Amino acid sequence: MKNKICTAVATIMLFVPWTILPLRSFDWALESPAAEILIYSYAAFMIFSGVFSILAYVKGKANGKWMQVCAVINGLYAVGAAAIVGLAIAGLF
C-alpha cells in the first residue's frame, strides 16, 4: 500500500512543474518580485520532488516500472532546478 501511495505522489509531482506555463501568462507573474518568487518556489518543489522520488524508489522499495520513470524524470527536474538556483546565486556575486 505504501508503494502505491509513493508512486501516486511521484506521478502527481511529474505534472506540477508544468503548471508554471499557464501562470506565466498573467501580467503579475512577469513582474520582478513575483516572477522571482514563483521561479524559486517551483525550483524548490522540483528539487524536493526529485529527492522524494529517488528516496521512495531506493529506500522505500517502490520498485515498479512506473516508479522508475517517475524517479528519472523527477531527478532530471531536480538537476535542472538546482542549475537554475545555482545560476541565480552565481549572478548575485
PDB file of N, CA and C in Angstrom:
ATOM      1  N   MET A   1       0.827  -1.191   0.000  1.00  0.00           N
ATOM      2  CA  MET A   1       0.000   0.000   0.000  1.00  0.00           C
ATOM      3  C   MET A   1       0.873   1.258   0.000  1.00  0.00           C
ATOM      4  N   LYS A   2       1.963   1.253   0.796  1.00  0.00           N
ATOM      5  CA  LYS A   2       2.857   2.399   0.868  1.00  0.00           C
ATOM      6  C   LYS A   2       3.521   2.644  -0.478  1.00  0.00           C
ATOM      7  N   ASN A   3       3.841   1.581  -1.203  1.00  0.00           N
ATOM      8  CA  ASN A   3       4.463   1.716  -2.511  1.00  0.00           C
ATOM      9  C   ASN A   3       3.530   2.406  -3.502  1.00  0.00           C
ATOM     10  N   LYS A   4       2.244   2.056  -3.445  1.00  0.00           N
ATOM     11  CA  LYS A   4       1.276   2.665  -4.354  1.00  0.00           C
ATOM     12  C   LYS A   4       1.078   4.137  -4.038  1.00  0.00           C
ATOM     13  N   ILE A   5       1.101   4.487  -2.754  1.00  0.00           N
ATOM     14  CA  ILE A   5       0.944   5.887  -2.367  1.00  0.00           C
ATOM     15  C   ILE A   5       2.157   6.695  -2.829  1.00  0.00           C
ATOM     16  N   CYS A   6       3.346   6.152  -2.629  1.00  0.00           N
ATOM     17  CA  CYS A   6       4.562   6.845  -3.079  1.00  0.00           C
ATOM     18  C   CYS A   6       4.568   7.010  -4.589  1.00  0.00           C
ATOM     19  N   THR A   7       4.132   6.002  -5.312  1.00  0.00           N
ATOM     20  CA  THR A   7       4.078   6.084  -6.762  1.00  0.00           C
ATOM     21  C   THR A   7       3.051   7.120  -7.204  1.00  0.00           C
ATOM     22  N   ALA A   8       1.907   7.173  -6.539  1.00  0.00           N
ATOM     23  CA  ALA A   8       0.881   8.156  -6.881  1.00  0.00           C
ATOM     24  C   ALA A   8       1.364   9.579  -6.618  1.00  0.00           C
ATOM     25  N   VAL A   9       2.035   9.783  -5.494  1.00  0.00           N
ATOM     26  CA  VAL A   9       2.561  11.113  -5.176  1.00  0.00           C
ATOM     27  C   VAL A   9       3.634  11.519  -6.191  1.00  0.00           C
ATOM     28  N   ALA A  10       4.508  10.593  -6.538  1.00  0.00           N
ATOM     29  CA  ALA A  10       5.554  10.887  -7.521  1.00  0.00           C
ATOM     30  C   ALA A  10       4.953  11.182  -8.896  1.00  0.00           C
ATOM     31  N   THR A  11       3.862  10.511  -9.226  1.00  0.00           N
ATOM     32  CA  THR A  11       3.190  10.763 -10.502  1.00  0.00           C
ATOM     33  C   THR A  11       2.590  12.160 -10.531  1.00  0.00           C
ATOM     34  N   ILE A  12       1.969  12.567  -9.453  1.00  0.00           N
ATOM     35  CA  ILE A  12       1.401  13.914  -9.384  1.00  0.00           C
ATOM     36  C   ILE A  12       2.513  14.954  -9.466  1.00  0.00           C
ATOM     37  N   MET A  13       3.633  14.649  -8.833  1.00  0.00           N
ATOM     38  CA  MET A  13       4.772  15.572  -8.858  1.00  0.00           C
ATOM     39  C   MET A  13       5.370  15.726 -10.247  1.00  0.00           C
ATOM     40  N   LEU A  14       5.100  14.793 -11.154  1.00  0.00           N
ATOM     41  CA  LEU A  14       5.590  14.911 -12.519  1.00  0.00           C
ATOM     42  C   LEU A  14       4.953  16.088 -13.248  1.00  0.00           C
ATOM     43  N   PHE A  15       3.691  16.346 -12.960  1.00  0.00           N
ATOM     44  CA  PHE A  15       2.935  17.314 -13.740  1.00  0.00           C
ATOM     45  C   PHE A  15       2.863  18.699 -13.103  1.00  0.00           C
ATOM     46  N   VAL A  16       3.172  18.824 -11.832  1.00  0.00           N
ATOM     47  CA  VAL A  16       3.075  20.119 -11.146  1.00  0.00           C
ATOM     48  C   VAL A  16       4.018  21.167 -11.754  1.00  0.00           C
ATOM     49  N   PRO A  17       5.267  20.849 -12.113  1.00  0.00           N
ATOM     50  CA  PRO A  17       6.126  21.894 -12.693  1.00  0.00           C
ATOM     51  C   PRO A  17       5.578  22.505 -13.982  1.00  0.00           C
ATOM     52  N   TRP A  18       4.743  21.786 -14.704  1.00  0.00           N
ATOM     53  CA  TRP A  18       4.193  22.316 -15.949  1.00  0.00           C
ATOM     54  C   TRP A  18       3.082  23.332 -15.708  1.00  0.00           C
ATOM     55  N   THR A  19       2.624  23.450 -14.467  1.00  0.00           N
ATOM     56  CA  THR A  19       1.588  24.444 -14.174  1.00  0.00           C
ATOM     57  C   THR A  19       2.146  25.858 -14.161  1.00  0.00           C
ATOM     58  N   ILE A  20       3.459  26.004 -14.249  1.00  0.00           N
ATOM     59  CA  ILE A  20       4.042  27.346 -14.320  1.00  0.00           C
ATOM     60  C   ILE A  20       3.708  28.006 -15.663  1.00  0.00           C
ATOM     61  N   LEU A  21       3.508  27.229 -16.702  1.00  0.00           N
ATOM     62  CA  LEU A  21       3.239  27.806 -18.018  1.00  0.00           C
ATOM     63  C   LEU A  21       1.942  28.618 -18.049  1.00  0.00           C
ATOM     64  N   PRO A  22       0.815  28.103 -17.545  1.00  0.00           N
ATOM     65  CA  PRO A  22      -0.385  28.956 -17.529  1.00  0.00           C
ATOM     66  C   PRO A  22      -0.254  30.136 -16.564  1.00  0.00           C
ATOM     67  N   LEU A  23       0.481  29.957 -15.467  1.00  0.00           N
ATOM     68  CA  LEU A  23       0.656  31.061 -14.525  1.00  0.00           C
ATOM     69  C   LEU A  23       1.448  32.205 -15.139  1.00  0.00           C
ATOM     70  N   ARG A  24       2.407  31.887 -15.987  1.00  0.00           N
ATOM     71  CA  ARG A  24       3.247  32.922 -16.584  1.00  0.00           C
ATOM     72  C   ARG A  24       2.504  33.747 -17.631  1.00  0.00           C
ATOM     73  N   SER A  25       1.278  33.378 -17.974  1.00  0.00           N
ATOM     74  CA  SER A  25       0.505  34.170 -18.929  1.00  0.00           C
ATOM     75  C   SER A  25      -0.129  35.399 -18.283  1.00  0.00           C
ATOM     76  N   PHE A  26      -0.128  35.461 -16.955  1.00  0.00           N
ATOM     77  CA  PHE A  26      -0.672  36.622 -16.256  1.00  0.00           C
ATOM     78  C   PHE A  26       0.388  37.712 -16.143  1.00  0.00           C
ATOM     79  N   ASP A  27      -0.043  38.962 -16.196  1.00  0.00           N
ATOM     80  CA  ASP A  27       0.890  40.086 -16.116  1.00  0.00           C
ATOM     81  C   ASP A  27       1.605  40.156 -14.775  1.00  0.00           C
ATOM     82  N   TRP A  28       0.902  39.838 -13.691  1.00  0.00           N
ATOM     83  CA  TRP A  28       1.518  39.926 -12.369  1.00  0.00           C
ATOM     84  C   TRP A  28       2.640  38.910 -12.203  1.00  0.00           C
ATOM     85  N   ALA A  29       2.585  37.815 -12.950  1.00  0.00           N
ATOM     86  CA  ALA A  29       3.609  36.774 -12.824  1.00  0.00           C
ATOM     87  C   ALA A  29       4.884  37.127 -13.576  1.00  0.00           C
ATOM     88  N   LEU A  30       4.840  38.164 -14.398  1.00  0.00           N
ATOM     89  CA  LEU A  30       6.019  38.554 -15.164  1.00  0.00           C
ATOM     90  C   LEU A  30       6.774  39.707 -14.519  1.00  0.00           C
ATOM     91  N   GLU A  31       6.196  40.301 -13.484  1.00  0.00           N
ATOM     92  CA  GLU A  31       6.871  41.398 -12.796  1.00  0.00           C
ATOM     93  C   GLU A  31       7.935  40.833 -11.865  1.00  0.00           C
ATOM     94  N   SER A  32       8.952  41.618 -11.608  1.00  0.00           N
ATOM     95  CA  SER A  32      10.173  41.137 -10.968  1.00  0.00           C
ATOM     96  C   SER A  32       9.986  40.426  -9.629  1.00  0.00           C
ATOM     97  N   PRO A  33       9.385  41.006  -8.608  1.00  0.00           N
ATOM     98  CA  PRO A  33       9.360  40.244  -7.340  1.00  0.00           C
ATOM     99  C   PRO A  33       8.508  38.981  -7.439  1.00  0.00           C
ATOM    100  N   ALA A  34       7.389  39.071  -8.115  1.00  0.00           N
ATOM    101  CA  ALA A  34       6.511  37.902  -8.223  1.00  0.00           C
ATOM    102  C   ALA A  34       7.142  36.815  -9.077  1.00  0.00           C
ATOM    103  N   ALA A  35       7.804  37.204 -10.147  1.00  0.00           N
ATOM    104  CA  ALA A  35       8.422  36.216 -11.031  1.00  0.00           C
ATOM    105  C   ALA A  35       9.541  35.464 -10.324  1.00  0.00           C
ATOM    106  N   GLU A  36      10.348  36.194  -9.551  1.00  0.00           N
ATOM    107  CA  GLU A  36      11.431  35.531  -8.830  1.00  0.00           C
ATOM    108  C   GLU A  36      10.906  34.571  -7.783  1.00  0.00           C
ATOM    109  N   ILE A  37       9.902  35.001  -7.047  1.00  0.00           N
ATOM    110  CA  ILE A  37       9.306  34.127  -6.026  1.00  0.00           C
ATOM    111  C   ILE A  37       8.701  32.895  -6.673  1.00  0.00           C
ATOM    112  N   LEU A  38       8.017  33.084  -7.793  1.00  0.00           N
ATOM    113  CA  LEU A  38       7.384  31.971  -8.496  1.00  0.00           C
ATOM    114  C   LEU A  38       8.420  30.971  -8.994  1.00  0.00           C
ATOM    115  N   ILE A  39       9.483  31.461  -9.590  1.00  0.00           N
ATOM    116  CA  ILE A  39      10.504  30.565 -10.141  1.00  0.00           C
ATOM    117  C   ILE A  39      11.238  29.824  -9.029  1.00  0.00           C
ATOM    118  N   TYR A  40      11.594  30.534  -7.968  1.00  0.00           N
ATOM    119  CA  TYR A  40      12.295  29.865  -6.863  1.00  0.00           C
ATOM    120  C   TYR A  40      11.396  28.870  -6.142  1.00  0.00           C
ATOM    121  N   SER A  41      10.119  29.169  -6.044  1.00  0.00           N
ATOM    122  CA  SER A  41       9.185  28.226  -5.415  1.00  0.00           C
ATOM    123  C   SER A  41       9.065  26.950  -6.243  1.00  0.00           C
ATOM    124  N   TYR A  42       8.930  27.104  -7.548  1.00  0.00           N
ATOM    125  CA  TYR A  42       8.866  25.927  -8.411  1.00  0.00           C
ATOM    126  C   TYR A  42      10.180  25.155  -8.384  1.00  0.00           C
ATOM    127  N   ALA A  43      11.301  25.858  -8.340  1.00  0.00           N
ATOM    128  CA  ALA A  43      12.603  25.178  -8.280  1.00  0.00           C
ATOM    129  C   ALA A  43      12.730  24.381  -6.987  1.00  0.00           C
ATOM    130  N   ALA A  44      12.301  24.961  -5.867  1.00  0.00           N
ATOM    131  CA  ALA A  44      12.353  24.237  -4.592  1.00  0.00           C
ATOM    132  C   ALA A  44      11.462  23.003  -4.635  1.00  0.00           C
ATOM    133  N   PHE A  45      10.271  23.152  -5.230  1.00  0.00           N
ATOM    134  CA  PHE A  45       9.373  21.999  -5.344  1.00  0.00           C
ATOM    135  C   PHE A  45       9.985  20.916  -6.225  1.00  0.00           C
ATOM    136  N   MET A  46      10.618  21.316  -7.306  1.00  0.00           N
ATOM    137  CA  MET A  46      11.207  20.340  -8.210  1.00  0.00           C
ATOM    138  C   MET A  46      12.376  19.603  -7.566  1.00  0.00           C
ATOM    139  N   ILE A  47      13.162  20.315  -6.788  1.00  0.00           N
ATOM    140  CA  ILE A  47      14.255  19.653  -6.064  1.00  0.00           C
ATOM    141  C   ILE A  47      13.679  18.688  -5.037  1.00  0.00           C
ATOM    142  N   PHE A  48      12.649  19.113  -4.306  1.00  0.00           N
ATOM    143  CA  PHE A  48      12.010  18.230  -3.334  1.00  0.00           C
ATOM    144  C   PHE A  48      11.413  17.001  -4.008  1.00  0.00           C
ATOM    145  N   SER A  49      10.739  17.188  -5.142  1.00  0.00           N
ATOM    146  CA  SER A  49      10.118  16.039  -5.806  1.00  0.00           C
ATOM    147  C   SER A  49      11.160  15.065  -6.337  1.00  0.00           C
ATOM    148  N   GLY A  50      12.302  15.576  -6.787  1.00  0.00           N
ATOM    149  CA  GLY A  50      13.368  14.684  -7.234  1.00  0.00           C
ATOM    150  C   GLY A  50      13.939  13.878  -6.093  1.00  0.00           C
ATOM    151  N   VAL A  51      14.192  14.537  -4.969  1.00  0.00           N
ATOM    152  CA  VAL A  51      14.717  13.833  -3.795  1.00  0.00           C
ATOM    153  C   VAL A  51      13.698  12.822  -3.281  1.00  0.00           C
ATOM    154  N   PHE A  52      12.431  13.228  -3.216  1.00  0.00           N
ATOM    155  CA  PHE A  52      11.381  12.320  -2.747  1.00  0.00           C
ATOM    156  C   PHE A  52      11.285  11.084  -3.634  1.00  0.00           C
ATOM    157  N   SER A  53      11.242  11.283  -4.938  1.00  0.00           N
ATOM    158  CA  SER A  53      11.085  10.151  -5.860  1.00  0.00           C
ATOM    159  C   SER A  53      12.264   9.191  -5.787  1.00  0.00           C
ATOM    160  N   ILE A  54      13.463   9.728  -5.725  1.00  0.00           N
ATOM    161  CA  ILE A  54      14.641   8.862  -5.666  1.00  0.00           C
ATOM    162  C   ILE A  54      14.690   8.110  -4.341  1.00  0.00           C
ATOM    163  N   LEU A  55      14.382   8.806  -3.243  1.00  0.00           N
ATOM    164  CA  LEU A  55      14.373   8.117  -1.943  1.00  0.00           C
ATOM    165  C   LEU A  55      13.259   7.080  -1.861  1.00  0.00           C
ATOM    166  N   ALA A  56      12.099   7.395  -2.419  1.00  0.00           N
ATOM    167  CA  ALA A  56      10.998   6.414  -2.414  1.00  0.00           C
ATOM    168  C   ALA A  56      11.359   5.195  -3.244  1.00  0.00           C
ATOM    169  N   TYR A  57      12.093   5.412  -4.324  1.00  0.00           N
ATOM    170  CA  TYR A  57      12.491   4.288  -5.161  1.00  0.00           C
ATOM    171  C   TYR A  57      13.570   3.442  -4.490  1.00  0.00           C
ATOM    172  N   VAL A  58      14.557   4.101  -3.910  1.00  0.00           N
ATOM    173  CA  VAL A  58      15.697   3.372  -3.343  1.00  0.00           C
ATOM    174  C   VAL A  58      15.382   2.839  -1.949  1.00  0.00           C
ATOM    175  N   LYS A  59      14.985   3.717  -1.045  1.00  0.00           N
ATOM    176  CA  LYS A  59      14.783   3.316   0.350  1.00  0.00           C
ATOM    177  C   LYS A  59      13.381   2.762   0.608  1.00  0.00           C
ATOM    178  N   GLY A  60      12.394   3.288  -0.106  1.00  0.00           N
ATOM    179  CA  GLY A  60      11.013   2.874   0.125  1.00  0.00           C
ATOM    180  C   GLY A  60      10.620   1.607  -0.584  1.00  0.00           C
ATOM    181  N   LYS A  61      11.521   1.100  -1.395  1.00  0.00           N
ATOM    182  CA  LYS A  61      11.313  -0.149  -2.131  1.00  0.00           C
ATOM    183  C   LYS A  61      10.110  -0.087  -3.076  1.00  0.00           C
ATOM    184  N   ALA A  62       9.795   1.106  -3.587  1.00  0.00           N
ATOM    185  CA  ALA A  62       8.757   1.234  -4.601  1.00  0.00           C
ATOM    186  C   ALA A  62       9.431   1.025  -5.950  1.00  0.00           C
ATOM    187  N   ASN A  63       9.626  -0.233  -6.331  1.00  0.00           N
ATOM    188  CA  ASN A  63      10.471  -0.584  -7.469  1.00  0.00           C
ATOM    189  C   ASN A  63       9.694  -0.925  -8.730  1.00  0.00           C
ATOM    190  N   GLY A  64       8.506  -0.358  -8.889  1.00  0.00           N
ATOM    191  CA  GLY A  64       7.752  -0.626 -10.103  1.00  0.00           C
ATOM    192  C   GLY A  64       8.345   0.105 -11.296  1.00  0.00           C
ATOM    193  N   LYS A  65       7.935  -0.310 -12.488  1.00  0.00           N
ATOM    194  CA  LYS A  65       8.442   0.324 -13.708  1.00  0.00           C
ATOM    195  C   LYS A  65       8.018   1.792 -13.772  1.00  0.00           C
ATOM    196  N   TRP A  66       6.776   2.090 -13.373  1.00  0.00           N
ATOM    197  CA  TRP A  66       6.319   3.474 -13.413  1.00  0.00           C
ATOM    198  C   TRP A  66       7.083   4.327 -12.403  1.00  0.00           C
ATOM    199  N   MET A  67       7.434   3.753 -11.278  1.00  0.00           N
ATOM    200  CA  MET A  67       8.214   4.499 -10.290  1.00  0.00           C
ATOM    201  C   MET A  67       9.613   4.782 -10.815  1.00  0.00           C
ATOM    202  N   GLN A  68      10.166   3.880 -11.612  1.00  0.00           N
ATOM    203  CA  GLN A  68      11.456   4.146 -12.250  1.00  0.00           C
ATOM    204  C   GLN A  68      11.357   5.361 -13.159  1.00  0.00           C
ATOM    205  N   VAL A  69      10.287   5.419 -13.941  1.00  0.00           N
ATOM    206  CA  VAL A  69      10.073   6.551 -14.840  1.00  0.00           C
ATOM    207  C   VAL A  69       9.942   7.839 -14.037  1.00  0.00           C
ATOM    208  N   CYS A  70       9.146   7.798 -12.972  1.00  0.00           N
ATOM    209  CA  CYS A  70       8.950   8.979 -12.130  1.00  0.00           C
ATOM    210  C   CYS A  70      10.253   9.420 -11.482  1.00  0.00           C
ATOM    211  N   ALA A  71      11.043   8.475 -11.022  1.00  0.00           N
ATOM    212  CA  ALA A  71      12.304   8.820 -10.371  1.00  0.00           C
ATOM    213  C   ALA A  71      13.280   9.458 -11.361  1.00  0.00           C
ATOM    214  N   VAL A  72      13.333   8.960 -12.574  1.00  0.00           N
ATOM    215  CA  VAL A  72      14.242   9.520 -13.574  1.00  0.00           C
ATOM    216  C   VAL A  72      13.794  10.927 -13.974  1.00  0.00           C
ATOM    217  N   ILE A  73      12.516  11.094 -14.284  1.00  0.00           N
ATOM    218  CA  ILE A  73      12.037  12.405 -14.732  1.00  0.00           C
ATOM    219  C   ILE A  73      12.122  13.427 -13.606  1.00  0.00           C
ATOM    220  N   ASN A  74      11.682  13.061 -12.412  1.00  0.00           N
ATOM    221  CA  ASN A  74      11.776  13.995 -11.292  1.00  0.00           C
ATOM    222  C   ASN A  74      13.232  14.275 -10.927  1.00  0.00           C
ATOM    223  N   GLY A  75      14.104  13.306 -11.113  1.00  0.00           N
ATOM    224  CA  GLY A  75      15.530  13.547 -10.891  1.00  0.00           C
ATOM    225  C   GLY A  75      16.097  14.545 -11.887  1.00  0.00           C
ATOM    226  N   LEU A  76      15.666  14.448 -13.145  1.00  0.00           N
ATOM    227  CA  LEU A  76      16.090  15.428 -14.150  1.00  0.00           C
ATOM    228  C   LEU A  76      15.542  16.817 -13.833  1.00  0.00           C
ATOM    229  N   TYR A  77      14.290  16.861 -13.387  1.00  0.00           N
ATOM    230  CA  TYR A  77      13.717  18.141 -12.947  1.00  0.00           C
ATOM    231  C   TYR A  77      14.557  18.738 -11.819  1.00  0.00           C
ATOM    232  N   ALA A  78      14.963  17.901 -10.868  1.00  0.00           N
ATOM    233  CA  ALA A  78      15.733  18.384  -9.723  1.00  0.00           C
ATOM    234  C   ALA A  78      17.095  18.920 -10.161  1.00  0.00           C
ATOM    235  N   VAL A  79      17.742  18.252 -11.089  1.00  0.00           N
ATOM    236  CA  VAL A  79      19.036  18.719 -11.582  1.00  0.00           C
ATOM    237  C   VAL A  79      18.866  20.050 -12.300  1.00  0.00           C
ATOM    238  N   GLY A  80      17.837  20.169 -13.119  1.00  0.00           N
ATOM    239  CA  GLY A  80      17.580  21.430 -13.815  1.00  0.00           C
ATOM    240  C   GLY A  80      17.268  22.563 -12.858  1.00  0.00           C
ATOM    241  N   ALA A  81      16.470  22.282 -11.837  1.00  0.00           N
ATOM    242  CA  ALA A  81      16.125  23.308 -10.854  1.00  0.00           C
ATOM    243  C   ALA A  81      17.343  23.714 -10.038  1.00  0.00           C
ATOM    244  N   ALA A  82      18.174  22.750  -9.695  1.00  0.00           N
ATOM    245  CA  ALA A  82      19.403  23.083  -8.963  1.00  0.00           C
ATOM    246  C   ALA A  82      20.325  23.948  -9.826  1.00  0.00           C
ATOM    247  N   ALA A  83      20.345  23.702 -11.123  1.00  0.00           N
ATOM    248  CA  ALA A  83      21.150  24.531 -12.027  1.00  0.00           C
ATOM    249  C   ALA A  83      20.602  25.949 -12.093  1.00  0.00           C
ATOM    250  N   ILE A  84      19.283  26.088 -12.132  1.00  0.00           N
ATOM    251  CA  ILE A  84      18.671  27.417 -12.151  1.00  0.00           C
ATOM    252  C   ILE A  84      19.001  28.178 -10.876  1.00  0.00           C
ATOM    253  N   VAL A  85      18.875  27.514  -9.739  1.00  0.00           N
ATOM    254  CA  VAL A  85      19.190  28.161  -8.460  1.00  0.00           C
ATOM    255  C   VAL A  85      20.682  28.499  -8.398  1.00  0.00           C
ATOM    256  N   GLY A  86      21.519  27.601  -8.880  1.00  0.00           N
ATOM    257  CA  GLY A  86      22.949  27.858  -8.899  1.00  0.00           C
ATOM    258  C   GLY A  86      23.320  29.048  -9.765  1.00  0.00           C
ATOM    259  N   LEU A  87      22.688  29.170 -10.926  1.00  0.00           N
ATOM    260  CA  LEU A  87      22.938  30.324 -11.788  1.00  0.00           C
ATOM    261  C   LEU A  87      22.447  31.617 -11.156  1.00  0.00           C
ATOM    262  N   ALA A  88      21.336  31.542 -10.453  1.00  0.00           N
ATOM    263  CA  ALA A  88      20.817  32.736  -9.790  1.00  0.00           C
ATOM    264  C   ALA A  88      21.736  33.175  -8.660  1.00  0.00           C
ATOM    265  N   ILE A  89      22.248  32.211  -7.921  1.00  0.00           N
ATOM    266  CA  ILE A  89      23.165  32.543  -6.821  1.00  0.00           C
ATOM    267  C   ILE A  89      24.486  33.080  -7.384  1.00  0.00           C
ATOM    268  N   ALA A  90      24.960  32.490  -8.468  1.00  0.00           N
ATOM    269  CA  ALA A  90      26.200  32.968  -9.087  1.00  0.00           C
ATOM    270  C   ALA A  90      26.024  34.379  -9.651  1.00  0.00           C
ATOM    271  N   GLY A  91      24.828  34.701 -10.085  1.00  0.00           N
ATOM    272  CA  GLY A  91      24.559  36.038 -10.606  1.00  0.00           C
ATOM    273  C   GLY A  91      24.544  37.106  -9.540  1.00  0.00           C
ATOM    274  N   LEU A  92      24.413  36.720  -8.286  1.00  0.00           N
ATOM    275  CA  LEU A  92      24.423  37.692  -7.204  1.00  0.00           C
ATOM    276  C   LEU A  92      25.809  38.211  -6.904  1.00  0.00           C
ATOM    277  N   PHE A  93      26.824  37.446  -7.263  1.00  0.00           N
ATOM    278  CA  PHE A  93      28.202  37.825  -6.925  1.00  0.00           C
ATOM    279  C   PHE A  93      28.869  38.541  -8.048  1.00  0.00           C
TER     280      PHE A  93
END
